[in-house]
Amino acid sequence: MLAMECEYLAKKFDRFGWERERNTPAQDRQKLDFMDALQDFPLSEVQAACRAAVLANPNRMPNEGHVRAEILRARSSRVAAAPAAASQPEPKRKRIDGARASEIMREIGFTPHRMGDPS
């Protein structure tokens, strides 16, 4: 699907004879670079970023770098618009002494074995 997005953009901006170059190593490489750079992003984000890149600069075909930059810009604006998580102070912990620790271990049924103790 990413290769189709690259094809779509190239046909839309067909300034370099995209159809003439069909199935050439150079065109295949361009599609591979596009796919490799954008494979980690959901298709919906790639499509939205392609639209945004075209609207931002309608006289120039966006490459994978432009599309990636648009994706990251959109993500950062969503993060900035999200409400900040309320930071809760970490609850104060009370230290316990060794005797209380041993008592807790006995309550839960844990008996440590020491070296030399019979199993």
PDB file of N, CA and C in Angstrom:
ATOM      1  N   MET A   1       0.818  -1.188   0.000  1.00  0.00           N
ATOM      2  CA  MET A   1       0.000   0.000   0.000  1.00  0.00           C
ATOM      3  C   MET A   1       0.869   1.263   0.000  1.00  0.00           C
ATOM      4  N   LEU A   2       2.046   1.187   0.634  1.00  0.00           N
ATOM      5  CA  LEU A   2       2.932   2.347   0.621  1.00  0.00           C
ATOM      6  C   LEU A   2       3.457   2.619  -0.788  1.00  0.00           C
ATOM      7  N   ALA A   3       3.732   1.552  -1.532  1.00  0.00           N
ATOM      8  CA  ALA A   3       4.181   1.728  -2.921  1.00  0.00           C
ATOM      9  C   ALA A   3       3.086   2.405  -3.738  1.00  0.00           C
ATOM     10  N   MET A   4       1.828   2.067  -3.454  1.00  0.00           N
ATOM     11  CA  MET A   4       0.724   2.694  -4.169  1.00  0.00           C
ATOM     12  C   MET A   4       0.651   4.189  -3.836  1.00  0.00           C
ATOM     13  N   GLU A   5       0.915   4.557  -2.581  1.00  0.00           N
ATOM     14  CA  GLU A   5       0.924   5.969  -2.207  1.00  0.00           C
ATOM     15  C   GLU A   5       2.023   6.718  -2.965  1.00  0.00           C
ATOM     16  N   CYS A   6       3.177   6.086  -3.085  1.00  0.00           N
ATOM     17  CA  CYS A   6       4.277   6.694  -3.837  1.00  0.00           C
ATOM     18  C   CYS A   6       3.879   6.853  -5.306  1.00  0.00           C
ATOM     19  N   GLU A   7       3.267   5.810  -5.871  1.00  0.00           N
ATOM     20  CA  GLU A   7       2.788   5.863  -7.262  1.00  0.00           C
ATOM     21  C   GLU A   7       1.779   6.989  -7.444  1.00  0.00           C
ATOM     22  N   TYR A   8       0.864   7.091  -6.510  1.00  0.00           N
ATOM     23  CA  TYR A   8      -0.176   8.115  -6.588  1.00  0.00           C
ATOM     24  C   TYR A   8       0.438   9.515  -6.608  1.00  0.00           C
ATOM     25  N   LEU A   9       1.359   9.755  -5.691  1.00  0.00           N
ATOM     26  CA  LEU A   9       2.005  11.066  -5.646  1.00  0.00           C
ATOM     27  C   LEU A   9       2.776  11.344  -6.926  1.00  0.00           C
ATOM     28  N   ALA A  10       3.488  10.340  -7.408  1.00  0.00           N
ATOM     29  CA  ALA A  10       4.285  10.530  -8.622  1.00  0.00           C
ATOM     30  C   ALA A  10       3.396  10.826  -9.822  1.00  0.00           C
ATOM     31  N   LYS A  11       2.285  10.124  -9.946  1.00  0.00           N
ATOM     32  CA  LYS A  11       1.368  10.391 -11.060  1.00  0.00           C
ATOM     33  C   LYS A  11       0.728  11.764 -10.924  1.00  0.00           C
ATOM     34  N   LYS A  12       0.450  12.162  -9.704  1.00  0.00           N
ATOM     35  CA  LYS A  12      -0.166  13.459  -9.464  1.00  0.00           C
ATOM     36  C   LYS A  12       0.770  14.602  -9.877  1.00  0.00           C
ATOM     37  N   PHE A  13       2.055  14.423  -9.652  1.00  0.00           N
ATOM     38  CA  PHE A  13       3.042  15.459  -9.938  1.00  0.00           C
ATOM     39  C   PHE A  13       3.886  15.134 -11.166  1.00  0.00           C
ATOM     40  N   ASP A  14       3.481  14.231 -11.975  1.00  0.00           N
ATOM     41  CA  ASP A  14       4.247  13.654 -13.087  1.00  0.00           C
ATOM     42  C   ASP A  14       5.084  14.688 -13.846  1.00  0.00           C
ATOM     43  N   ARG A  15       6.146  15.123 -13.232  1.00  0.00           N
ATOM     44  CA  ARG A  15       7.028  16.107 -13.869  1.00  0.00           C
ATOM     45  C   ARG A  15       8.253  15.440 -14.474  1.00  0.00           C
ATOM     46  N   PHE A  16       8.523  14.223 -14.078  1.00  0.00           N
ATOM     47  CA  PHE A  16       9.742  13.568 -14.546  1.00  0.00           C
ATOM     48  C   PHE A  16       9.439  12.332 -15.382  1.00  0.00           C
ATOM     49  N   GLY A  17       8.270  12.265 -15.966  1.00  0.00           N
ATOM     50  CA  GLY A  17       7.931  11.143 -16.827  1.00  0.00           C
ATOM     51  C   GLY A  17       7.816   9.828 -16.090  1.00  0.00           C
ATOM     52  N   TRP A  18       7.032   9.811 -15.042  1.00  0.00           N
ATOM     53  CA  TRP A  18       6.892   8.603 -14.215  1.00  0.00           C
ATOM     54  C   TRP A  18       6.462   7.406 -15.053  1.00  0.00           C
ATOM     55  N   GLU A  19       5.517   7.618 -15.964  1.00  0.00           N
ATOM     56  CA  GLU A  19       5.042   6.506 -16.788  1.00  0.00           C
ATOM     57  C   GLU A  19       6.130   6.019 -17.751  1.00  0.00           C
ATOM     58  N   ARG A  20       6.944   6.912 -18.263  1.00  0.00           N
ATOM     59  CA  ARG A  20       8.037   6.503 -19.156  1.00  0.00           C
ATOM     60  C   ARG A  20       9.049   5.641 -18.430  1.00  0.00           C
ATOM     61  N   GLU A  21       9.203   5.878 -17.139  1.00  0.00           N
ATOM     62  CA  GLU A  21      10.203   5.167 -16.351  1.00  0.00           C
ATOM     63  C   GLU A  21       9.670   3.884 -15.720  1.00  0.00           C
ATOM     64  N   ARG A  22       8.473   3.489 -16.076  1.00  0.00           N
ATOM     65  CA  ARG A  22       7.834   2.322 -15.478  1.00  0.00           C
ATOM     66  C   ARG A  22       8.762   1.113 -15.494  1.00  0.00           C
ATOM     67  N   ASN A  23       8.860   0.444 -14.337  1.00  0.00           N
ATOM     68  CA  ASN A  23       9.635  -0.792 -14.141  1.00  0.00           C
ATOM     69  C   ASN A  23      11.129  -0.642 -14.400  1.00  0.00           C
ATOM     70  N   THR A  24      11.654   0.532 -14.219  1.00  0.00           N
ATOM     71  CA  THR A  24      13.103   0.703 -14.311  1.00  0.00           C
ATOM     72  C   THR A  24      13.698   0.559 -12.923  1.00  0.00           C
ATOM     73  N   PRO A  25      14.971   0.218 -12.833  1.00  0.00           N
ATOM     74  CA  PRO A  25      15.594   0.083 -11.510  1.00  0.00           C
ATOM     75  C   PRO A  25      15.512   1.377 -10.686  1.00  0.00           C
ATOM     76  N   ALA A  26      15.608   2.519 -11.331  1.00  0.00           N
ATOM     77  CA  ALA A  26      15.542   3.788 -10.597  1.00  0.00           C
ATOM     78  C   ALA A  26      14.164   3.993  -9.974  1.00  0.00           C
ATOM     79  N   GLN A  27      13.118   3.703 -10.729  1.00  0.00           N
ATOM     80  CA  GLN A  27      11.763   3.867 -10.193  1.00  0.00           C
ATOM     81  C   GLN A  27      11.504   2.854  -9.087  1.00  0.00           C
ATOM     82  N   ASP A  28      11.964   1.631  -9.278  1.00  0.00           N
ATOM     83  CA  ASP A  28      11.795   0.615  -8.242  1.00  0.00           C
ATOM     84  C   ASP A  28      12.526   1.026  -6.971  1.00  0.00           C
ATOM     85  N   ARG A  29      13.713   1.601  -7.116  1.00  0.00           N
ATOM     86  CA  ARG A  29      14.488   2.045  -5.952  1.00  0.00           C
ATOM     87  C   ARG A  29      13.761   3.167  -5.217  1.00  0.00           C
ATOM     88  N   GLN A  30      13.147   4.072  -5.981  1.00  0.00           N
ATOM     89  CA  GLN A  30      12.423   5.172  -5.351  1.00  0.00           C
ATOM     90  C   GLN A  30      11.264   4.631  -4.519  1.00  0.00           C
ATOM     91  N   LYS A  31      10.546   3.663  -5.054  1.00  0.00           N
ATOM     92  CA  LYS A  31       9.427   3.078  -4.302  1.00  0.00           C
ATOM     93  C   LYS A  31       9.932   2.333  -3.069  1.00  0.00           C
ATOM     94  N   LEU A  32      11.054   1.617  -3.214  1.00  0.00           N
ATOM     95  CA  LEU A  32      11.616   0.894  -2.063  1.00  0.00           C
ATOM     96  C   LEU A  32      12.047   1.859  -0.959  1.00  0.00           C
ATOM     97  N   ASP A  33      12.686   2.955  -1.335  1.00  0.00           N
ATOM     98  CA  ASP A  33      13.087   3.948  -0.334  1.00  0.00           C
ATOM     99  C   ASP A  33      11.875   4.516   0.388  1.00  0.00           C
ATOM    100  N   PHE A  34      10.824   4.796  -0.353  1.00  0.00           N
ATOM    101  CA  PHE A  34       9.585   5.324   0.214  1.00  0.00           C
ATOM    102  C   PHE A  34       9.003   4.322   1.212  1.00  0.00           C
ATOM    103  N   MET A  35       8.950   3.052   0.803  1.00  0.00           N
ATOM    104  CA  MET A  35       8.385   2.018   1.678  1.00  0.00           C
ATOM    105  C   MET A  35       9.253   1.799   2.911  1.00  0.00           C
ATOM    106  N   ASP A  36      10.564   1.738   2.729  1.00  0.00           N
ATOM    107  CA  ASP A  36      11.459   1.507   3.868  1.00  0.00           C
ATOM    108  C   ASP A  36      11.359   2.620   4.900  1.00  0.00           C
ATOM    109  N   ALA A  37      11.276   3.849   4.434  1.00  0.00           N
ATOM    110  CA  ALA A  37      11.247   4.986   5.361  1.00  0.00           C
ATOM    111  C   ALA A  37       9.934   5.088   6.121  1.00  0.00           C
ATOM    112  N   LEU A  38       8.851   4.573   5.537  1.00  0.00           N
ATOM    113  CA  LEU A  38       7.530   4.796   6.134  1.00  0.00           C
ATOM    114  C   LEU A  38       6.852   3.523   6.629  1.00  0.00           C
ATOM    115  N   GLN A  39       7.536   2.405   6.599  1.00  0.00           N
ATOM    116  CA  GLN A  39       6.904   1.131   6.937  1.00  0.00           C
ATOM    117  C   GLN A  39       6.452   1.028   8.395  1.00  0.00           C
ATOM    118  N   ASP A  40       7.036   1.809   9.275  1.00  0.00           N
ATOM    119  CA  ASP A  40       6.680   1.715  10.695  1.00  0.00           C
ATOM    120  C   ASP A  40       5.466   2.553  11.074  1.00  0.00           C
ATOM    121  N   PHE A  41       4.908   3.279  10.119  1.00  0.00           N
ATOM    122  CA  PHE A  41       3.771   4.146  10.400  1.00  0.00           C
ATOM    123  C   PHE A  41       2.501   3.539   9.822  1.00  0.00           C
ATOM    124  N   PRO A  42       1.367   3.712  10.496  1.00  0.00           N
ATOM    125  CA  PRO A  42       0.092   3.218   9.955  1.00  0.00           C
ATOM    126  C   PRO A  42      -0.223   3.919   8.627  1.00  0.00           C
ATOM    127  N   LEU A  43      -0.858   3.186   7.731  1.00  0.00           N
ATOM    128  CA  LEU A  43      -1.180   3.712   6.407  1.00  0.00           C
ATOM    129  C   LEU A  43      -2.021   4.980   6.501  1.00  0.00           C
ATOM    130  N   SER A  44      -2.954   5.031   7.441  1.00  0.00           N
ATOM    131  CA  SER A  44      -3.801   6.216   7.576  1.00  0.00           C
ATOM    132  C   SER A  44      -2.971   7.458   7.898  1.00  0.00           C
ATOM    133  N   GLU A  45      -1.933   7.304   8.716  1.00  0.00           N
ATOM    134  CA  GLU A  45      -1.053   8.434   9.030  1.00  0.00           C
ATOM    135  C   GLU A  45      -0.243   8.852   7.813  1.00  0.00           C
ATOM    136  N   VAL A  46       0.221   7.870   7.037  1.00  0.00           N
ATOM    137  CA  VAL A  46       0.994   8.174   5.830  1.00  0.00           C
ATOM    138  C   VAL A  46       0.119   8.931   4.837  1.00  0.00           C
ATOM    139  N   GLN A  47      -1.112   8.468   4.648  1.00  0.00           N
ATOM    140  CA  GLN A  47      -2.012   9.135   3.707  1.00  0.00           C
ATOM    141  C   GLN A  47      -2.321  10.561   4.153  1.00  0.00           C
ATOM    142  N   ALA A  48      -2.588  10.745   5.422  1.00  0.00           N
ATOM    143  CA  ALA A  48      -2.866  12.090   5.939  1.00  0.00           C
ATOM    144  C   ALA A  48      -1.646  12.990   5.784  1.00  0.00           C
ATOM    145  N   ALA A  49      -0.474  12.433   6.029  1.00  0.00           N
ATOM    146  CA  ALA A  49       0.751  13.210   5.890  1.00  0.00           C
ATOM    147  C   ALA A  49       1.015  13.564   4.430  1.00  0.00           C
ATOM    148  N   CYS A  50       0.703  12.665   3.512  1.00  0.00           N
ATOM    149  CA  CYS A  50       0.847  12.966   2.076  1.00  0.00           C
ATOM    150  C   CYS A  50      -0.063  14.131   1.702  1.00  0.00           C
ATOM    151  N   ARG A  51      -1.300  14.087   2.176  1.00  0.00           N
ATOM    152  CA  ARG A  51      -2.230  15.185   1.885  1.00  0.00           C
ATOM    153  C   ARG A  51      -1.712  16.502   2.464  1.00  0.00           C
ATOM    154  N   ALA A  52      -1.235  16.466   3.685  1.00  0.00           N
ATOM    155  CA  ALA A  52      -0.734  17.681   4.331  1.00  0.00           C
ATOM    156  C   ALA A  52       0.495  18.222   3.610  1.00  0.00           C
ATOM    157  N   ALA A  53       1.381  17.325   3.178  1.00  0.00           N
ATOM    158  CA  ALA A  53       2.594  17.758   2.473  1.00  0.00           C
ATOM    159  C   ALA A  53       2.247  18.390   1.130  1.00  0.00           C
ATOM    160  N   VAL A  54       1.264  17.837   0.438  1.00  0.00           N
ATOM    161  CA  VAL A  54       0.841  18.399  -0.846  1.00  0.00           C
ATOM    162  C   VAL A  54       0.197  19.767  -0.629  1.00  0.00           C
ATOM    163  N   LEU A  55      -0.624  19.887   0.397  1.00  0.00           N
ATOM    164  CA  LEU A  55      -1.267  21.174   0.677  1.00  0.00           C
ATOM    165  C   LEU A  55      -0.246  22.227   1.108  1.00  0.00           C
ATOM    166  N   ALA A  56       0.775  21.798   1.826  1.00  0.00           N
ATOM    167  CA  ALA A  56       1.796  22.735   2.298  1.00  0.00           C
ATOM    168  C   ALA A  56       2.670  23.244   1.154  1.00  0.00           C
ATOM    169  N   ASN A  57       2.892  22.398   0.160  1.00  0.00           N
ATOM    170  CA  ASN A  57       3.744  22.782  -0.969  1.00  0.00           C
ATOM    171  C   ASN A  57       3.183  22.147  -2.239  1.00  0.00           C
ATOM    172  N   PRO A  58       2.155  22.733  -2.831  1.00  0.00           N
ATOM    173  CA  PRO A  58       1.456  22.099  -3.953  1.00  0.00           C
ATOM    174  C   PRO A  58       2.257  22.015  -5.253  1.00  0.00           C
ATOM    175  N   ASN A  59       3.386  22.679  -5.343  1.00  0.00           N
ATOM    176  CA  ASN A  59       4.184  22.641  -6.565  1.00  0.00           C
ATOM    177  C   ASN A  59       5.311  21.620  -6.517  1.00  0.00           C
ATOM    178  N   ARG A  60       5.368  20.836  -5.470  1.00  0.00           N
ATOM    179  CA  ARG A  60       6.494  19.916  -5.303  1.00  0.00           C
ATOM    180  C   ARG A  60       6.011  18.573  -4.785  1.00  0.00           C
ATOM    181  N   MET A  61       6.498  17.498  -5.403  1.00  0.00           N
ATOM    182  CA  MET A  61       6.130  16.155  -4.939  1.00  0.00           C
ATOM    183  C   MET A  61       6.854  15.870  -3.626  1.00  0.00           C
ATOM    184  N   PRO A  62       6.108  15.526  -2.581  1.00  0.00           N
ATOM    185  CA  PRO A  62       6.771  15.212  -1.308  1.00  0.00           C
ATOM    186  C   PRO A  62       7.518  13.886  -1.411  1.00  0.00           C
ATOM    187  N   ASN A  63       8.695  13.831  -0.836  1.00  0.00           N
ATOM    188  CA  ASN A  63       9.414  12.563  -0.756  1.00  0.00           C
ATOM    189  C   ASN A  63       9.173  11.963   0.621  1.00  0.00           C
ATOM    190  N   GLU A  64       9.812  10.836   0.879  1.00  0.00           N
ATOM    191  CA  GLU A  64       9.565  10.147   2.147  1.00  0.00           C
ATOM    192  C   GLU A  64       9.978  10.988   3.348  1.00  0.00           C
ATOM    193  N   GLY A  65      10.973  11.846   3.185  1.00  0.00           N
ATOM    194  CA  GLY A  65      11.386  12.729   4.281  1.00  0.00           C
ATOM    195  C   GLY A  65      10.316  13.754   4.620  1.00  0.00           C
ATOM    196  N   HIS A  66       9.685  14.319   3.585  1.00  0.00           N
ATOM    197  CA  HIS A  66       8.597  15.273   3.813  1.00  0.00           C
ATOM    198  C   HIS A  66       7.422  14.589   4.515  1.00  0.00           C
ATOM    199  N   VAL A  67       7.094  13.383   4.045  1.00  0.00           N
ATOM    200  CA  VAL A  67       5.951  12.658   4.619  1.00  0.00           C
ATOM    201  C   VAL A  67       6.223  12.313   6.073  1.00  0.00           C
ATOM    202  N   ARG A  68       7.422  11.832   6.354  1.00  0.00           N
ATOM    203  CA  ARG A  68       7.789  11.489   7.733  1.00  0.00           C
ATOM    204  C   ARG A  68       7.730  12.727   8.625  1.00  0.00           C
ATOM    205  N   ALA A  69       8.229  13.843   8.136  1.00  0.00           N
ATOM    206  CA  ALA A  69       8.195  15.087   8.918  1.00  0.00           C
ATOM    207  C   ALA A  69       6.757  15.507   9.211  1.00  0.00           C
ATOM    208  N   GLU A  70       5.872  15.341   8.254  1.00  0.00           N
ATOM    209  CA  GLU A  70       4.456  15.672   8.477  1.00  0.00           C
ATOM    210  C   GLU A  70       3.831  14.753   9.519  1.00  0.00           C
ATOM    211  N   ILE A  71       4.185  13.473   9.477  1.00  0.00           N
ATOM    212  CA  ILE A  71       3.658  12.523  10.473  1.00  0.00           C
ATOM    213  C   ILE A  71       4.107  12.945  11.864  1.00  0.00           C
ATOM    214  N   LEU A  72       5.393  13.235  12.016  1.00  0.00           N
ATOM    215  CA  LEU A  72       5.917  13.609  13.331  1.00  0.00           C
ATOM    216  C   LEU A  72       5.341  14.940  13.802  1.00  0.00           C
ATOM    217  N   ARG A  73       5.130  15.867  12.885  1.00  0.00           N
ATOM    218  CA  ARG A  73       4.523  17.157  13.242  1.00  0.00           C
ATOM    219  C   ARG A  73       3.096  16.935  13.742  1.00  0.00           C
ATOM    220  N   ALA A  74       2.332  16.083  13.044  1.00  0.00           N
ATOM    221  CA  ALA A  74       0.956  15.813  13.458  1.00  0.00           C
ATOM    222  C   ALA A  74       0.920  15.124  14.819  1.00  0.00           C
ATOM    223  N   ARG A  75       1.840  14.185  15.018  1.00  0.00           N
ATOM    224  CA  ARG A  75       1.887  13.498  16.314  1.00  0.00           C
ATOM    225  C   ARG A  75       2.234  14.463  17.439  1.00  0.00           C
ATOM    226  N   SER A  76       3.187  15.343  17.208  1.00  0.00           N
ATOM    227  CA  SER A  76       3.575  16.270  18.272  1.00  0.00           C
ATOM    228  C   SER A  76       2.459  17.250  18.593  1.00  0.00           C
ATOM    229  N   SER A  77       1.682  17.641  17.578  1.00  0.00           N
ATOM    230  CA  SER A  77       0.566  18.553  17.864  1.00  0.00           C
ATOM    231  C   SER A  77      -0.533  17.833  18.650  1.00  0.00           C
ATOM    232  N   ARG A  78      -0.722  16.528  18.380  1.00  0.00           N
ATOM    233  CA  ARG A  78      -1.711  15.762  19.165  1.00  0.00           C
ATOM    234  C   ARG A  78      -1.253  15.616  20.606  1.00  0.00           C
ATOM    235  N   VAL A  79       0.032  15.406  20.802  1.00  0.00           N
ATOM    236  CA  VAL A  79       0.560  15.274  22.165  1.00  0.00           C
ATOM    237  C   VAL A  79       0.432  16.605  22.903  1.00  0.00           C
ATOM    238  N   ALA A  80       0.739  17.694  22.210  1.00  0.00           N
ATOM    239  CA  ALA A  80       0.644  19.009  22.843  1.00  0.00           C
ATOM    240  C   ALA A  80      -0.795  19.351  23.208  1.00  0.00           C
ATOM    241  N   ALA A  81      -1.754  18.880  22.403  1.00  0.00           N
ATOM    242  CA  ALA A  81      -3.158  19.180  22.661  1.00  0.00           C
ATOM    243  C   ALA A  81      -3.755  18.296  23.756  1.00  0.00           C
ATOM    244  N   ALA A  82      -3.117  17.178  24.031  1.00  0.00           N
ATOM    245  CA  ALA A  82      -3.638  16.258  25.047  1.00  0.00           C
ATOM    246  C   ALA A  82      -3.459  16.874  26.430  1.00  0.00           C
ATOM    247  N   PRO A  83      -4.425  16.628  27.301  1.00  0.00           N
ATOM    248  CA  PRO A  83      -4.279  17.174  28.658  1.00  0.00           C
ATOM    249  C   PRO A  83      -3.086  16.523  29.356  1.00  0.00           C
ATOM    250  N   ALA A  84      -2.388  17.324  30.110  1.00  0.00           N
ATOM    251  CA  ALA A  84      -1.220  16.822  30.830  1.00  0.00           C
ATOM    252  C   ALA A  84      -1.677  15.863  31.921  1.00  0.00           C
ATOM    253  N   ALA A  85      -0.944  14.803  32.071  1.00  0.00           N
ATOM    254  CA  ALA A  85      -1.267  13.834  33.117  1.00  0.00           C
ATOM    255  C   ALA A  85      -0.983  14.473  34.473  1.00  0.00           C
ATOM    256  N   ALA A  86      -1.939  14.342  35.353  1.00  0.00           N
ATOM    257  CA  ALA A  86      -1.770  14.904  36.701  1.00  0.00           C
ATOM    258  C   ALA A  86      -0.691  14.099  37.411  1.00  0.00           C
ATOM    259  N   SER A  87       0.323  14.781  37.833  1.00  0.00           N
ATOM    260  CA  SER A  87       1.406  14.069  38.507  1.00  0.00           C
ATOM    261  C   SER A  87       1.061  13.924  39.981  1.00  0.00           C
ATOM    262  N   GLN A  88       0.920  12.707  40.381  1.00  0.00           N
ATOM    263  CA  GLN A  88       0.607  12.393  41.767  1.00  0.00           C
ATOM    264  C   GLN A  88       1.926  12.227  42.514  1.00  0.00           C
ATOM    265  N   PRO A  89       2.033  12.821  43.681  1.00  0.00           N
ATOM    266  CA  PRO A  89       3.262  12.593  44.438  1.00  0.00           C
ATOM    267  C   PRO A  89       3.324  11.125  44.859  1.00  0.00           C
ATOM    268  N   GLU A  90       4.519  10.598  44.842  1.00  0.00           N
ATOM    269  CA  GLU A  90       4.687   9.198  45.225  1.00  0.00           C
ATOM    270  C   GLU A  90       4.362   9.063  46.715  1.00  0.00           C
ATOM    271  N   PRO A  91       3.572   8.043  47.053  1.00  0.00           N
ATOM    272  CA  PRO A  91       3.217   7.890  48.464  1.00  0.00           C
ATOM    273  C   PRO A  91       4.466   7.684  49.318  1.00  0.00           C
ATOM    274  N   LYS A  92       4.413   8.289  50.484  1.00  0.00           N
ATOM    275  CA  LYS A  92       5.554   8.173  51.395  1.00  0.00           C
ATOM    276  C   LYS A  92       5.598   6.761  51.935  1.00  0.00           C
ATOM    277  N   ARG A  93       6.755   6.176  51.822  1.00  0.00           N
ATOM    278  CA  ARG A  93       6.913   4.800  52.307  1.00  0.00           C
ATOM    279  C   ARG A  93       7.550   4.811  53.694  1.00  0.00           C
ATOM    280  N   LYS A  94       7.071   3.908  54.512  1.00  0.00           N
ATOM    281  CA  LYS A  94       7.573   3.823  55.874  1.00  0.00           C
ATOM    282  C   LYS A  94       8.552   2.654  55.950  1.00  0.00           C
ATOM    283  N   ARG A  95       9.727   2.937  56.433  1.00  0.00           N
ATOM    284  CA  ARG A  95      10.719   1.866  56.578  1.00  0.00           C
ATOM    285  C   ARG A  95      10.324   0.993  57.767  1.00  0.00           C
ATOM    286  N   ILE A  96      10.585  -0.283  57.619  1.00  0.00           N
ATOM    287  CA  ILE A  96      10.311  -1.199  58.728  1.00  0.00           C
ATOM    288  C   ILE A  96      11.618  -1.789  59.203  1.00  0.00           C
ATOM    289  N   ASP A  97      11.616  -2.213  60.464  1.00  0.00           N
ATOM    290  CA  ASP A  97      12.845  -2.785  61.012  1.00  0.00           C
ATOM    291  C   ASP A  97      12.914  -4.276  60.699  1.00  0.00           C
ATOM    292  N   GLY A  98      14.035  -4.871  61.012  1.00  0.00           N
ATOM    293  CA  GLY A  98      14.273  -6.279  60.707  1.00  0.00           C
ATOM    294  C   GLY A  98      13.297  -7.219  61.392  1.00  0.00           C
ATOM    295  N   ALA A  99      12.914  -6.899  62.614  1.00  0.00           N
ATOM    296  CA  ALA A  99      11.993  -7.771  63.355  1.00  0.00           C
ATOM    297  C   ALA A  99      10.628  -7.810  62.658  1.00  0.00           C
ATOM    298  N   ARG A 100      10.149  -6.636  62.207  1.00  0.00           N
ATOM    299  CA  ARG A 100       8.851  -6.586  61.518  1.00  0.00           C
ATOM    300  C   ARG A 100       8.944  -7.303  60.172  1.00  0.00           C
ATOM    301  N   ALA A 101      10.070  -7.175  59.494  1.00  0.00           N
ATOM    302  CA  ALA A 101      10.259  -7.860  58.214  1.00  0.00           C
ATOM    303  C   ALA A 101      10.203  -9.374  58.414  1.00  0.00           C
ATOM    304  N   SER A 102      10.840  -9.856  59.461  1.00  0.00           N
ATOM    305  CA  SER A 102      10.812 -11.300  59.762  1.00  0.00           C
ATOM    306  C   SER A 102       9.395 -11.751  60.089  1.00  0.00           C
ATOM    307  N   GLU A 103       8.664 -10.933  60.821  1.00  0.00           N
ATOM    308  CA  GLU A 103       7.275 -11.253  61.173  1.00  0.00           C
ATOM    309  C   GLU A 103       6.408 -11.350  59.903  1.00  0.00           C
ATOM    310  N   ILE A 104       6.578 -10.399  58.997  1.00  0.00           N
ATOM    311  CA  ILE A 104       5.810 -10.426  57.737  1.00  0.00           C
ATOM    312  C   ILE A 104       6.136 -11.688  56.957  1.00  0.00           C
ATOM    313  N   MET A 105       7.397 -12.061  56.896  1.00  0.00           N
ATOM    314  CA  MET A 105       7.798 -13.266  56.165  1.00  0.00           C
ATOM    315  C   MET A 105       7.176 -14.517  56.782  1.00  0.00           C
ATOM    316  N   ARG A 106       7.118 -14.569  58.109  1.00  0.00           N
ATOM    317  CA  ARG A 106       6.473 -15.718  58.770  1.00  0.00           C
ATOM    318  C   ARG A 106       4.979 -15.747  58.475  1.00  0.00           C
ATOM    319  N   GLU A 107       4.333 -14.563  58.442  1.00  0.00           N
ATOM    320  CA  GLU A 107       2.892 -14.492  58.167  1.00  0.00           C
ATOM    321  C   GLU A 107       2.549 -15.043  56.792  1.00  0.00           C
ATOM    322  N   ILE A 108       3.419 -14.823  55.830  1.00  0.00           N
ATOM    323  CA  ILE A 108       3.118 -15.317  54.484  1.00  0.00           C
ATOM    324  C   ILE A 108       3.670 -16.718  54.249  1.00  0.00           C
ATOM    325  N   GLY A 109       4.329 -17.265  55.254  1.00  0.00           N
ATOM    326  CA  GLY A 109       4.783 -18.645  55.166  1.00  0.00           C
ATOM    327  C   GLY A 109       6.148 -18.816  54.515  1.00  0.00           C
ATOM    328  N   PHE A 110       6.945 -17.787  54.482  1.00  0.00           N
ATOM    329  CA  PHE A 110       8.272 -17.878  53.879  1.00  0.00           C
ATOM    330  C   PHE A 110       9.292 -18.143  54.961  1.00  0.00           C
ATOM    331  N   THR A 111      10.068 -19.188  54.769  1.00  0.00           N
ATOM    332  CA  THR A 111      11.123 -19.516  55.714  1.00  0.00           C
ATOM    333  C   THR A 111      12.439 -19.581  54.939  1.00  0.00           C
ATOM    334  N   PRO A 112      13.320 -18.651  55.187  1.00  0.00           N
ATOM    335  CA  PRO A 112      14.586 -18.681  54.443  1.00  0.00           C
ATOM    336  C   PRO A 112      15.460 -19.844  54.903  1.00  0.00           C
ATOM    337  N   HIS A 113      16.157 -20.404  53.948  1.00  0.00           N
ATOM    338  CA  HIS A 113      17.109 -21.473  54.260  1.00  0.00           C
ATOM    339  C   HIS A 113      18.492 -20.878  54.285  1.00  0.00           C
ATOM    340  N   ARG A 114      19.234 -21.264  55.313  1.00  0.00           N
ATOM    341  CA  ARG A 114      20.591 -20.753  55.441  1.00  0.00           C
ATOM    342  C   ARG A 114      21.561 -21.888  55.086  1.00  0.00           C
ATOM    343  N   MET A 115      22.770 -21.469  54.733  1.00  0.00           N
ATOM    344  CA  MET A 115      23.751 -22.477  54.391  1.00  0.00           C
ATOM    345  C   MET A 115      23.991 -23.387  55.602  1.00  0.00           C
ATOM    346  N   GLY A 116      24.022 -24.670  55.351  1.00  0.00           N
ATOM    347  CA  GLY A 116      24.245 -25.631  56.432  1.00  0.00           C
ATOM    348  C   GLY A 116      22.959 -26.131  57.044  1.00  0.00           C
ATOM    349  N   ASP A 117      21.815 -25.432  56.784  1.00  0.00           N
ATOM    350  CA  ASP A 117      20.527 -25.916  57.313  1.00  0.00           C
ATOM    351  C   ASP A 117      20.112 -27.163  56.526  1.00  0.00           C
ATOM    352  N   PRO A 118      19.530 -28.124  57.218  1.00  0.00           N
ATOM    353  CA  PRO A 118      19.008 -29.276  56.492  1.00  0.00           C
ATOM    354  C   PRO A 118      17.804 -28.850  55.649  1.00  0.00           C
ATOM    355  N   SER A 119      17.663 -29.394  54.477  1.00  0.00           N
ATOM    356  CA  SER A 119      16.565 -29.013  53.576  1.00  0.00           C
ATOM    357  C   SER A 119      15.251 -29.524  54.014  1.00  0.00           C
TER     358      SER A 119
END
